[in-house]
Amino acid sequence: MNWDQVEGNWKQLKGSIQEKWGHLTDDNLDVIAGKRDQLAGKIQEAYGVSKEQAEAQIAEWEKKQKN
């Protein structure tokens, strides 16, 4: 699944995202609205990780969505 598909299916994928990053609220996810850079920023804020770590987590999540 590429990121354009993630944006297009954001409402359906929000549950999967909350499973992976439970500290993100519905309000956070509504603001993110499928934007990868905003998701990375919210992960950084919520979990205190670097941008690189957040991007790696997103890439791992994306890979699992393809399976």
PDB file of N, CA and C in Angstrom:
ATOM      1  N   MET A   1       0.849  -1.174   0.000  1.00  0.00           N
ATOM      2  CA  MET A   1       0.000   0.000   0.000  1.00  0.00           C
ATOM      3  C   MET A   1       0.892   1.234   0.000  1.00  0.00           C
ATOM      4  N   ASN A   2       0.691   2.105  -0.979  1.00  0.00           N
ATOM      5  CA  ASN A   2       1.482   3.330  -1.000  1.00  0.00           C
ATOM      6  C   ASN A   2       0.771   4.408  -0.186  1.00  0.00           C
ATOM      7  N   TRP A   3       1.477   5.501   0.051  1.00  0.00           N
ATOM      8  CA  TRP A   3       0.931   6.502   0.960  1.00  0.00           C
ATOM      9  C   TRP A   3      -0.293   7.203   0.379  1.00  0.00           C
ATOM     10  N   ASP A   4      -0.433   7.288  -0.942  1.00  0.00           N
ATOM     11  CA  ASP A   4      -1.648   7.856  -1.534  1.00  0.00           C
ATOM     12  C   ASP A   4      -2.857   7.004  -1.160  1.00  0.00           C
ATOM     13  N   GLN A   5      -2.666   5.689  -1.131  1.00  0.00           N
ATOM     14  CA  GLN A   5      -3.750   4.793  -0.729  1.00  0.00           C
ATOM     15  C   GLN A   5      -4.063   4.960   0.754  1.00  0.00           C
ATOM     16  N   VAL A   6      -3.038   5.171   1.569  1.00  0.00           N
ATOM     17  CA  VAL A   6      -3.250   5.402   2.996  1.00  0.00           C
ATOM     18  C   VAL A   6      -4.109   6.651   3.183  1.00  0.00           C
ATOM     19  N   GLU A   7      -3.748   7.731   2.499  1.00  0.00           N
ATOM     20  CA  GLU A   7      -4.529   8.969   2.609  1.00  0.00           C
ATOM     21  C   GLU A   7      -5.970   8.738   2.180  1.00  0.00           C
ATOM     22  N   GLY A   8      -6.164   8.012   1.088  1.00  0.00           N
ATOM     23  CA  GLY A   8      -7.505   7.761   0.573  1.00  0.00           C
ATOM     24  C   GLY A   8      -8.347   6.891   1.488  1.00  0.00           C
ATOM     25  N   ASN A   9      -7.704   6.033   2.252  1.00  0.00           N
ATOM     26  CA  ASN A   9      -8.401   5.104   3.144  1.00  0.00           C
ATOM     27  C   ASN A   9      -8.188   5.449   4.608  1.00  0.00           C
ATOM     28  N   TRP A  10      -7.892   6.695   4.892  1.00  0.00           N
ATOM     29  CA  TRP A  10      -7.514   7.109   6.240  1.00  0.00           C
ATOM     30  C   TRP A  10      -8.531   6.686   7.292  1.00  0.00           C
ATOM     31  N   LYS A  11      -9.812   6.899   7.021  1.00  0.00           N
ATOM     32  CA  LYS A  11     -10.832   6.567   8.018  1.00  0.00           C
ATOM     33  C   LYS A  11     -10.832   5.078   8.333  1.00  0.00           C
ATOM     34  N   GLN A  12     -10.638   4.245   7.330  1.00  0.00           N
ATOM     35  CA  GLN A  12     -10.604   2.806   7.546  1.00  0.00           C
ATOM     36  C   GLN A  12      -9.334   2.377   8.274  1.00  0.00           C
ATOM     37  N   LEU A  13      -8.240   3.091   8.071  1.00  0.00           N
ATOM     38  CA  LEU A  13      -6.950   2.709   8.643  1.00  0.00           C
ATOM     39  C   LEU A  13      -6.718   3.279  10.038  1.00  0.00           C
ATOM     40  N   LYS A  14      -7.554   4.212  10.476  1.00  0.00           N
ATOM     41  CA  LYS A  14      -7.350   4.829  11.785  1.00  0.00           C
ATOM     42  C   LYS A  14      -7.296   3.797  12.910  1.00  0.00           C
ATOM     43  N   GLY A  15      -8.116   2.761  12.836  1.00  0.00           N
ATOM     44  CA  GLY A  15      -8.106   1.726  13.873  1.00  0.00           C
ATOM     45  C   GLY A  15      -6.777   1.009  13.935  1.00  0.00           C
ATOM     46  N   SER A  16      -6.231   0.686  12.795  1.00  0.00           N
ATOM     47  CA  SER A  16      -4.929   0.026  12.739  1.00  0.00           C
ATOM     48  C   SER A  16      -3.834   0.936  13.278  1.00  0.00           C
ATOM     49  N   ILE A  17      -3.946   2.206  12.985  1.00  0.00           N
ATOM     50  CA  ILE A  17      -2.954   3.172  13.464  1.00  0.00           C
ATOM     51  C   ILE A  17      -3.035   3.306  14.976  1.00  0.00           C
ATOM     52  N   GLN A  18      -4.265   3.324  15.503  1.00  0.00           N
ATOM     53  CA  GLN A  18      -4.405   3.427  16.954  1.00  0.00           C
ATOM     54  C   GLN A  18      -3.926   2.154  17.660  1.00  0.00           C
ATOM     55  N   GLU A  19      -4.029   1.000  17.004  1.00  0.00           N
ATOM     56  CA  GLU A  19      -3.469  -0.224  17.577  1.00  0.00           C
ATOM     57  C   GLU A  19      -1.955  -0.105  17.713  1.00  0.00           C
ATOM     58  N   LYS A  20      -1.325   0.434  16.701  1.00  0.00           N
ATOM     59  CA  LYS A  20       0.137   0.563  16.679  1.00  0.00           C
ATOM     60  C   LYS A  20       0.608   1.690  17.597  1.00  0.00           C
ATOM     61  N   TRP A  21      -0.085   2.840  17.552  1.00  0.00           N
ATOM     62  CA  TRP A  21       0.309   4.019  18.321  1.00  0.00           C
ATOM     63  C   TRP A  21      -0.868   4.454  19.194  1.00  0.00           C
ATOM     64  N   GLY A  22      -1.086   3.731  20.271  1.00  0.00           N
ATOM     65  CA  GLY A  22      -2.228   3.944  21.143  1.00  0.00           C
ATOM     66  C   GLY A  22      -2.276   5.287  21.840  1.00  0.00           C
ATOM     67  N   HIS A  23      -1.142   5.974  21.913  1.00  0.00           N
ATOM     68  CA  HIS A  23      -1.131   7.283  22.554  1.00  0.00           C
ATOM     69  C   HIS A  23      -1.724   8.383  21.664  1.00  0.00           C
ATOM     70  N   LEU A  24      -1.946   8.072  20.395  1.00  0.00           N
ATOM     71  CA  LEU A  24      -2.537   9.053  19.490  1.00  0.00           C
ATOM     72  C   LEU A  24      -4.054   9.032  19.650  1.00  0.00           C
ATOM     73  N   THR A  25      -4.623  10.191  19.862  1.00  0.00           N
ATOM     74  CA  THR A  25      -6.063  10.311  20.084  1.00  0.00           C
ATOM     75  C   THR A  25      -6.807  10.422  18.759  1.00  0.00           C
ATOM     76  N   ASP A  26      -8.127  10.296  18.835  1.00  0.00           N
ATOM     77  CA  ASP A  26      -8.950  10.517  17.647  1.00  0.00           C
ATOM     78  C   ASP A  26      -8.735  11.924  17.098  1.00  0.00           C
ATOM     79  N   ASP A  27      -8.613  12.886  18.002  1.00  0.00           N
ATOM     80  CA  ASP A  27      -8.360  14.262  17.557  1.00  0.00           C
ATOM     81  C   ASP A  27      -7.033  14.363  16.815  1.00  0.00           C
ATOM     82  N   ASN A  28      -5.989  13.693  17.343  1.00  0.00           N
ATOM     83  CA  ASN A  28      -4.700  13.675  16.646  1.00  0.00           C
ATOM     84  C   ASN A  28      -4.869  13.112  15.237  1.00  0.00           C
ATOM     85  N   LEU A  29      -5.585  12.003  15.136  1.00  0.00           N
ATOM     86  CA  LEU A  29      -5.737  11.341  13.848  1.00  0.00           C
ATOM     87  C   LEU A  29      -6.577  12.171  12.883  1.00  0.00           C
ATOM     88  N   ASP A  30      -7.548  12.910  13.405  1.00  0.00           N
ATOM     89  CA  ASP A  30      -8.339  13.785  12.543  1.00  0.00           C
ATOM     90  C   ASP A  30      -7.483  14.915  11.981  1.00  0.00           C
ATOM     91  N   VAL A  31      -6.593  15.460  12.805  1.00  0.00           N
ATOM     92  CA  VAL A  31      -5.703  16.529  12.357  1.00  0.00           C
ATOM     93  C   VAL A  31      -4.708  15.995  11.326  1.00  0.00           C
ATOM     94  N   ILE A  32      -4.184  14.805  11.562  1.00  0.00           N
ATOM     95  CA  ILE A  32      -3.201  14.191  10.655  1.00  0.00           C
ATOM     96  C   ILE A  32      -3.821  13.963   9.281  1.00  0.00           C
ATOM     97  N   ALA A  33      -5.035  13.441   9.261  1.00  0.00           N
ATOM     98  CA  ALA A  33      -5.815  13.241   8.029  1.00  0.00           C
ATOM     99  C   ALA A  33      -5.028  12.567   6.908  1.00  0.00           C
ATOM    100  N   GLY A  34      -4.200  11.609   7.250  1.00  0.00           N
ATOM    101  CA  GLY A  34      -3.482  10.846   6.237  1.00  0.00           C
ATOM    102  C   GLY A  34      -2.157  11.429   5.794  1.00  0.00           C
ATOM    103  N   LYS A  35      -1.736  12.503   6.377  1.00  0.00           N
ATOM    104  CA  LYS A  35      -0.467  13.131   5.993  1.00  0.00           C
ATOM    105  C   LYS A  35       0.684  12.475   6.738  1.00  0.00           C
ATOM    106  N   ARG A  36       1.575  11.861   6.002  1.00  0.00           N
ATOM    107  CA  ARG A  36       2.678  11.096   6.592  1.00  0.00           C
ATOM    108  C   ARG A  36       3.568  11.951   7.497  1.00  0.00           C
ATOM    109  N   ASP A  37       3.912  13.161   7.051  1.00  0.00           N
ATOM    110  CA  ASP A  37       4.800  13.998   7.851  1.00  0.00           C
ATOM    111  C   ASP A  37       4.142  14.407   9.160  1.00  0.00           C
ATOM    112  N   GLN A  38       2.832  14.637   9.130  1.00  0.00           N
ATOM    113  CA  GLN A  38       2.122  14.983  10.358  1.00  0.00           C
ATOM    114  C   GLN A  38       2.030  13.780  11.293  1.00  0.00           C
ATOM    115  N   LEU A  39       1.851  12.598  10.742  1.00  0.00           N
ATOM    116  CA  LEU A  39       1.837  11.385  11.558  1.00  0.00           C
ATOM    117  C   LEU A  39       3.180  11.221  12.249  1.00  0.00           C
ATOM    118  N   ALA A  40       4.260  11.403  11.510  1.00  0.00           N
ATOM    119  CA  ALA A  40       5.601  11.284  12.093  1.00  0.00           C
ATOM    120  C   ALA A  40       5.784  12.287  13.228  1.00  0.00           C
ATOM    121  N   GLY A  41       5.323  13.507  13.018  1.00  0.00           N
ATOM    122  CA  GLY A  41       5.447  14.528  14.054  1.00  0.00           C
ATOM    123  C   GLY A  41       4.674  14.176  15.311  1.00  0.00           C
ATOM    124  N   LYS A  42       3.469  13.661  15.154  1.00  0.00           N
ATOM    125  CA  LYS A  42       2.653  13.288  16.317  1.00  0.00           C
ATOM    126  C   LYS A  42       3.259  12.096  17.052  1.00  0.00           C
ATOM    127  N   ILE A  43       3.850  11.166  16.315  1.00  0.00           N
ATOM    128  CA  ILE A  43       4.529  10.026  16.954  1.00  0.00           C
ATOM    129  C   ILE A  43       5.722  10.540  17.756  1.00  0.00           C
ATOM    130  N   GLN A  44       6.479  11.465  17.169  1.00  0.00           N
ATOM    131  CA  GLN A  44       7.614  12.062  17.880  1.00  0.00           C
ATOM    132  C   GLN A  44       7.157  12.695  19.185  1.00  0.00           C
ATOM    133  N   GLU A  45       6.107  13.487  19.132  1.00  0.00           N
ATOM    134  CA  GLU A  45       5.589  14.166  20.321  1.00  0.00           C
ATOM    135  C   GLU A  45       5.102  13.173  21.370  1.00  0.00           C
ATOM    136  N   ALA A  46       4.295  12.212  20.933  1.00  0.00           N
ATOM    137  CA  ALA A  46       3.642  11.299  21.872  1.00  0.00           C
ATOM    138  C   ALA A  46       4.608  10.306  22.510  1.00  0.00           C
ATOM    139  N   TYR A  47       5.642   9.903  21.761  1.00  0.00           N
ATOM    140  CA  TYR A  47       6.534   8.842  22.237  1.00  0.00           C
ATOM    141  C   TYR A  47       7.948   9.309  22.531  1.00  0.00           C
ATOM    142  N   GLY A  48       8.243  10.566  22.250  1.00  0.00           N
ATOM    143  CA  GLY A  48       9.573  11.088  22.535  1.00  0.00           C
ATOM    144  C   GLY A  48      10.670  10.409  21.745  1.00  0.00           C
ATOM    145  N   VAL A  49      10.391  10.131  20.475  1.00  0.00           N
ATOM    146  CA  VAL A  49      11.381   9.492  19.609  1.00  0.00           C
ATOM    147  C   VAL A  49      11.863  10.498  18.564  1.00  0.00           C
ATOM    148  N   SER A  50      12.957  10.160  17.911  1.00  0.00           N
ATOM    149  CA  SER A  50      13.493  11.028  16.861  1.00  0.00           C
ATOM    150  C   SER A  50      12.646  10.901  15.596  1.00  0.00           C
ATOM    151  N   LYS A  51      12.849  11.843  14.690  1.00  0.00           N
ATOM    152  CA  LYS A  51      12.144  11.803  13.401  1.00  0.00           C
ATOM    153  C   LYS A  51      12.477  10.508  12.666  1.00  0.00           C
ATOM    154  N   GLU A  52      13.734  10.101  12.723  1.00  0.00           N
ATOM    155  CA  GLU A  52      14.157   8.879  12.039  1.00  0.00           C
ATOM    156  C   GLU A  52      13.463   7.657  12.624  1.00  0.00           C
ATOM    157  N   GLN A  53      13.338   7.625  13.961  1.00  0.00           N
ATOM    158  CA  GLN A  53      12.658   6.493  14.600  1.00  0.00           C
ATOM    159  C   GLN A  53      11.174   6.482  14.226  1.00  0.00           C
ATOM    160  N   ALA A  54      10.555   7.647  14.208  1.00  0.00           N
ATOM    161  CA  ALA A  54       9.145   7.727  13.832  1.00  0.00           C
ATOM    162  C   ALA A  54       8.952   7.261  12.387  1.00  0.00           C
ATOM    163  N   GLU A  55       9.828   7.707  11.501  1.00  0.00           N
ATOM    164  CA  GLU A  55       9.739   7.293  10.094  1.00  0.00           C
ATOM    165  C   GLU A  55       9.937   5.782   9.951  1.00  0.00           C
ATOM    166  N   ALA A  56      10.844   5.217  10.725  1.00  0.00           N
ATOM    167  CA  ALA A  56      11.074   3.770  10.683  1.00  0.00           C
ATOM    168  C   ALA A  56       9.836   3.017  11.159  1.00  0.00           C
ATOM    169  N   GLN A  57       9.195   3.512  12.199  1.00  0.00           N
ATOM    170  CA  GLN A  57       7.972   2.880  12.693  1.00  0.00           C
ATOM    171  C   GLN A  57       6.862   2.944  11.649  1.00  0.00           C
ATOM    172  N   ILE A  58       6.751   4.088  10.982  1.00  0.00           N
ATOM    173  CA  ILE A  58       5.732   4.221   9.934  1.00  0.00           C
ATOM    174  C   ILE A  58       6.018   3.259   8.790  1.00  0.00           C
ATOM    175  N   ALA A  59       7.269   3.146   8.392  1.00  0.00           N
ATOM    176  CA  ALA A  59       7.648   2.227   7.310  1.00  0.00           C
ATOM    177  C   ALA A  59       7.319   0.782   7.686  1.00  0.00           C
ATOM    178  N   GLU A  60       7.572   0.422   8.939  1.00  0.00           N
ATOM    179  CA  GLU A  60       7.248  -0.923   9.412  1.00  0.00           C
ATOM    180  C   GLU A  60       5.740  -1.152   9.373  1.00  0.00           C
ATOM    181  N   TRP A  61       4.968  -0.164   9.818  1.00  0.00           N
ATOM    182  CA  TRP A  61       3.511  -0.260   9.791  1.00  0.00           C
ATOM    183  C   TRP A  61       3.003  -0.401   8.359  1.00  0.00           C
ATOM    184  N   GLU A  62       3.567   0.391   7.450  1.00  0.00           N
ATOM    185  CA  GLU A  62       3.185   0.323   6.034  1.00  0.00           C
ATOM    186  C   GLU A  62       3.415  -1.072   5.472  1.00  0.00           C
ATOM    187  N   LYS A  63       4.572  -1.630   5.798  1.00  0.00           N
ATOM    188  CA  LYS A  63       4.925  -2.956   5.301  1.00  0.00           C
ATOM    189  C   LYS A  63       3.897  -3.994   5.764  1.00  0.00           C
ATOM    190  N   LYS A  64       3.456  -3.878   7.010  1.00  0.00           N
ATOM    191  CA  LYS A  64       2.461  -4.815   7.543  1.00  0.00           C
ATOM    192  C   LYS A  64       1.112  -4.629   6.856  1.00  0.00           C
ATOM    193  N   GLN A  65       0.796  -3.413   6.410  1.00  0.00           N
ATOM    194  CA  GLN A  65      -0.471  -3.163   5.732  1.00  0.00           C
ATOM    195  C   GLN A  65      -0.504  -3.819   4.363  1.00  0.00           C
ATOM    196  N   LYS A  66       0.649  -4.024   3.771  1.00  0.00           N
ATOM    197  CA  LYS A  66       0.730  -4.659   2.456  1.00  0.00           C
ATOM    198  C   LYS A  66       0.425  -6.141   2.534  1.00  0.00           C
ATOM    199  N   ASN A  67       0.680  -6.751   3.686  1.00  0.00           N
ATOM    200  CA  ASN A  67       0.508  -8.206   3.833  1.00  0.00           C
ATOM    201  C   ASN A  67      -0.891  -8.602   4.045  1.00  0.00           C
TER     202      ASN A  67
END
